[in-house]
């Protein structure tokens, strides 16, 4: 994996994809994907009961990009667009980073419905794992998935990420408190599997 960073944006390159921090200029491409995939994505997204859907206008998108950039500079989170041949295809985040005795972060992802099933999301996860362990030196990365979200489960299954059980009523999703299947990788597991995963998904 190759990382390229000046001031901004931050880019991480895989085999077929590039992960890049989003800017205001990505709004139209982002909105087009969100609009056509909304019904496919919204049922899996965190949202309190009765709350409106998050605003998707240009000003709200710009504020979201600015928040992600602040998180990046603080080292508390990294949000990336997934790009395939220069085309925006989805997002992946490494968020809720805790240092001190934890040294952990959480990965979340979504992909354009039209581009699902082609292995882009597993590739993006491996790129983020390499960044998490090799670049910013986390000790543990977690992924939490609603058990009936079969598309997201296929990602961790393809990568062989270790299952840790089910957290009951873990997160409020689209107005309902949902159980989540928990998956994790530690740096020891990454070091054991790094060459295999990078050869299969990145190089």
Protein backbone atom coordinates (compact mmCIF):
# COMPACT_ATOMS: atom_id res chain seq x y z
CA UNK A 1 0.00 0.00 0.00
CA UNK A 2 1.19 3.49 -0.81
CA UNK A 3 0.13 6.56 1.18
CA UNK A 4 0.42 10.03 -0.25
CA UNK A 5 -0.28 13.09 1.88
CA UNK A 6 0.64 16.73 1.59
CA UNK A 7 -1.58 19.04 3.61
CA UNK A 8 -4.87 17.81 2.22
CA UNK A 9 -6.30 15.70 0.85
CA UNK A 10 -4.93 12.45 2.21
CA UNK A 11 -4.85 9.60 -0.31
CA UNK A 12 -4.34 5.88 0.20
CA UNK A 13 -3.91 3.73 -2.89
CA UNK A 14 -5.01 0.15 -3.35
CA UNK A 15 -4.91 -2.05 -6.44
CA UNK A 16 -8.08 -0.82 -8.15
CA UNK A 17 -9.23 1.93 -5.80
CA UNK A 18 -8.02 5.16 -4.29
CA UNK A 19 -9.23 6.34 -0.90
CA UNK A 20 -9.23 10.12 -0.59
CA UNK A 21 -10.51 12.58 1.98
CA UNK A 22 -13.54 14.37 0.55
CA UNK A 23 -13.74 18.08 -0.22
CA UNK A 24 -16.52 20.47 -1.24
CA UNK A 25 -15.74 19.69 -4.89
CA UNK A 26 -16.92 16.09 -4.44
CA UNK A 27 -20.48 17.10 -3.59
CA UNK A 28 -22.17 16.48 -6.95
CA UNK A 29 -20.67 13.01 -7.39
CA UNK A 30 -21.39 12.14 -3.76
CA UNK A 31 -24.98 13.33 -3.96
CA UNK A 32 -25.66 11.44 -7.19
CA UNK A 33 -24.57 8.18 -5.57
CA UNK A 34 -26.48 8.88 -2.35
CA UNK A 35 -29.66 9.76 -4.27
CA UNK A 36 -29.78 6.57 -6.31
CA UNK A 37 -28.68 4.34 -3.41
CA UNK A 38 -30.63 6.00 -0.60
CA UNK A 39 -33.25 3.29 -0.13
CA UNK A 40 -30.48 0.71 -0.01
CA UNK A 41 -28.35 2.63 2.51
CA UNK A 42 -30.71 4.40 4.93
CA UNK A 43 -31.99 1.23 6.71
CA UNK A 44 -28.45 0.58 8.00
CA UNK A 45 -27.48 4.09 9.09
CA UNK A 46 -27.42 5.46 12.68
CA UNK A 47 -30.37 7.75 13.30
CA UNK A 48 -32.47 8.39 16.44
CA UNK A 49 -36.17 7.55 16.35
CA UNK A 50 -38.17 10.39 14.87
CA UNK A 51 -35.12 12.25 13.61
CA UNK A 52 -35.20 13.51 10.01
CA UNK A 53 -32.76 12.10 7.50
CA UNK A 54 -29.44 13.97 7.57
CA UNK A 55 -29.38 17.00 5.29
CA UNK A 56 -27.65 16.37 1.96
CA UNK A 57 -27.45 19.92 0.59
CA UNK A 58 -24.09 21.45 -0.42
CA UNK A 59 -23.69 23.47 2.79
CA UNK A 60 -24.28 20.39 4.98
CA UNK A 61 -21.84 18.37 2.89
CA UNK A 62 -19.20 21.10 3.22
CA UNK A 63 -19.70 21.18 7.00
CA UNK A 64 -19.35 17.41 7.12
CA UNK A 65 -16.11 17.57 5.14
CA UNK A 66 -14.79 20.24 7.50
CA UNK A 67 -15.67 18.09 10.52
CA UNK A 68 -13.86 15.10 9.01
CA UNK A 69 -10.84 17.27 8.32
CA UNK A 70 -10.82 18.48 11.93
CA UNK A 71 -11.00 14.88 13.15
CA UNK A 72 -8.09 13.99 10.90
CA UNK A 73 -5.92 16.79 12.28
CA UNK A 74 -6.84 15.80 15.84
CA UNK A 75 -6.12 12.15 15.06
CA UNK A 76 -9.57 11.04 16.23
CA UNK A 77 -10.93 9.89 12.87
CA UNK A 78 -10.31 9.54 9.15
CA UNK A 79 -13.02 9.63 6.52
CA UNK A 80 -12.35 8.67 2.91
CA UNK A 81 -14.25 8.57 -0.34
CA UNK A 82 -13.76 5.35 -2.30
CA UNK A 83 -12.83 6.12 -5.90
CA UNK A 84 -12.71 3.62 -8.77
CA UNK A 85 -11.07 4.93 -11.96
CA UNK A 86 -11.65 8.42 -10.63
CA UNK A 87 -15.36 7.78 -10.03
CA UNK A 88 -16.80 8.26 -6.55
CA UNK A 89 -18.13 4.90 -5.36
CA UNK A 90 -18.74 5.12 -1.62
CA UNK A 91 -17.18 5.93 1.72
CA UNK A 92 -15.11 4.25 4.41
CA UNK A 93 -14.25 5.66 7.82
CA UNK A 94 -11.82 4.89 10.59
CA UNK A 95 -13.54 6.64 13.47
CA UNK A 96 -13.85 6.88 17.27
CA UNK A 97 -10.09 6.49 17.60
CA UNK A 98 -9.00 6.17 21.22
CA UNK A 99 -5.40 6.35 22.32
CA UNK A 100 -3.95 5.74 25.79
CA UNK A 101 -4.40 2.11 26.85
CA UNK A 102 -7.00 1.45 24.11
CA UNK A 103 -5.25 2.32 20.82
CA UNK A 104 -8.38 1.33 18.93
CA UNK A 105 -10.65 2.53 16.15
CA UNK A 106 -13.85 1.50 14.35
CA UNK A 107 -14.28 0.93 10.61
CA UNK A 108 -17.55 1.65 8.80
CA UNK A 109 -18.28 1.57 5.07
CA UNK A 110 -20.88 1.91 2.33
CA UNK A 111 -20.73 1.43 -1.42
CA UNK A 112 -22.73 2.58 -4.44
CA UNK A 113 -25.41 -0.06 -5.04
CA UNK A 114 -24.40 -0.18 -8.71
CA UNK A 115 -20.81 -1.11 -7.75
CA UNK A 116 -21.53 -3.57 -4.95
CA UNK A 117 -20.33 -7.15 -5.20
CA UNK A 118 -17.14 -6.38 -7.14
CA UNK A 119 -14.69 -6.59 -4.23
CA UNK A 120 -14.10 -2.84 -3.93
CA UNK A 121 -15.24 -2.67 -0.30
CA UNK A 122 -13.01 -5.51 0.98
CA UNK A 123 -10.11 -3.88 -0.83
CA UNK A 124 -10.92 -0.56 0.84
CA UNK A 125 -11.04 -2.25 4.25
CA UNK A 126 -7.59 -3.80 3.73
CA UNK A 127 -6.18 -0.41 2.70
CA UNK A 128 -7.64 1.13 5.88
CA UNK A 129 -6.33 -1.72 8.04
CA UNK A 130 -2.84 -1.18 6.62
CA UNK A 131 -3.14 2.54 7.41
CA UNK A 132 -4.50 1.86 10.90
CA UNK A 133 -1.77 -0.60 11.90
CA UNK A 134 1.26 0.37 9.83
CA UNK A 135 0.88 4.16 9.65
CA UNK A 136 -0.92 5.40 12.76
CA UNK A 137 0.00 2.41 14.97
CA UNK A 138 -3.37 1.35 16.35
CA UNK A 139 -3.49 -1.91 18.29
CA UNK A 140 -7.06 -2.94 17.46
CA UNK A 141 -9.69 -2.21 14.82
CA UNK A 142 -13.36 -3.12 15.19
CA UNK A 143 -16.23 -3.48 12.71
CA UNK A 144 -19.87 -3.69 13.88
CA UNK A 145 -22.61 -4.98 11.55
CA UNK A 146 -26.34 -5.62 11.91
CA UNK A 147 -26.62 -9.42 11.57
CA UNK A 148 -29.20 -9.25 8.77
CA UNK A 149 -27.04 -6.84 6.71
CA UNK A 150 -25.73 -9.63 4.51
CA UNK A 151 -23.90 -7.34 2.08
CA UNK A 152 -21.75 -5.87 4.88
CA UNK A 153 -21.22 -9.29 6.45
CA UNK A 154 -19.84 -10.61 3.16
CA UNK A 155 -17.03 -8.05 3.40
CA UNK A 156 -15.68 -9.33 6.72
CA UNK A 157 -16.29 -12.93 5.64
CA UNK A 158 -14.20 -12.43 2.49
CA UNK A 159 -11.38 -11.01 4.59
CA UNK A 160 -11.62 -13.62 7.34
CA UNK A 161 -11.84 -11.00 10.08
CA UNK A 162 -12.39 -12.61 13.47
CA UNK A 163 -15.93 -12.64 14.89
CA UNK A 164 -16.29 -11.70 18.56
CA UNK A 165 -20.00 -12.24 19.17
CA UNK A 166 -23.13 -10.10 19.19
CA UNK A 167 -23.65 -6.87 21.14
CA UNK A 168 -27.31 -6.61 22.09
CA UNK A 169 -29.17 -3.38 21.30
CA UNK A 170 -25.82 -1.83 20.45
CA UNK A 171 -26.73 1.15 18.25
CA UNK A 172 -29.83 3.06 17.20
CA UNK A 173 -30.25 2.47 13.47
CA UNK A 174 -33.02 4.18 11.52
CA UNK A 175 -34.95 4.64 14.76
CA UNK A 176 -34.53 1.13 16.22
CA UNK A 177 -31.99 -0.20 18.73
CA UNK A 178 -30.26 -2.96 16.79
CA UNK A 179 -28.04 -5.88 17.76
CA UNK A 180 -24.64 -5.81 16.06
CA UNK A 181 -22.28 -8.63 15.19
CA UNK A 182 -18.80 -7.59 16.32
CA UNK A 183 -15.65 -8.28 14.35
CA UNK A 184 -12.09 -7.23 15.21
CA UNK A 185 -8.46 -7.47 14.25
CA UNK A 186 -5.49 -6.75 16.50
CA UNK A 187 -2.07 -5.68 15.35
CA UNK A 188 -0.76 -9.16 16.19
CA UNK A 189 -3.32 -10.68 13.84
CA UNK A 190 -2.51 -8.07 11.20
CA UNK A 191 1.20 -8.80 11.40
CA UNK A 192 0.46 -12.51 10.98
CA UNK A 193 -1.83 -11.98 7.96
CA UNK A 194 -0.48 -8.74 6.49
CA UNK A 195 1.42 -10.20 3.55
CA UNK A 196 -1.49 -12.50 2.63
CA UNK A 197 -4.07 -9.72 2.71
CA UNK A 198 -1.96 -7.18 0.87
CA UNK A 199 -0.98 -9.68 -1.83
CA UNK A 200 -4.61 -10.71 -2.35
CA UNK A 201 -6.25 -7.29 -2.25
CA UNK A 202 -3.71 -4.50 -2.84
CA UNK A 203 -0.60 -5.47 -4.76
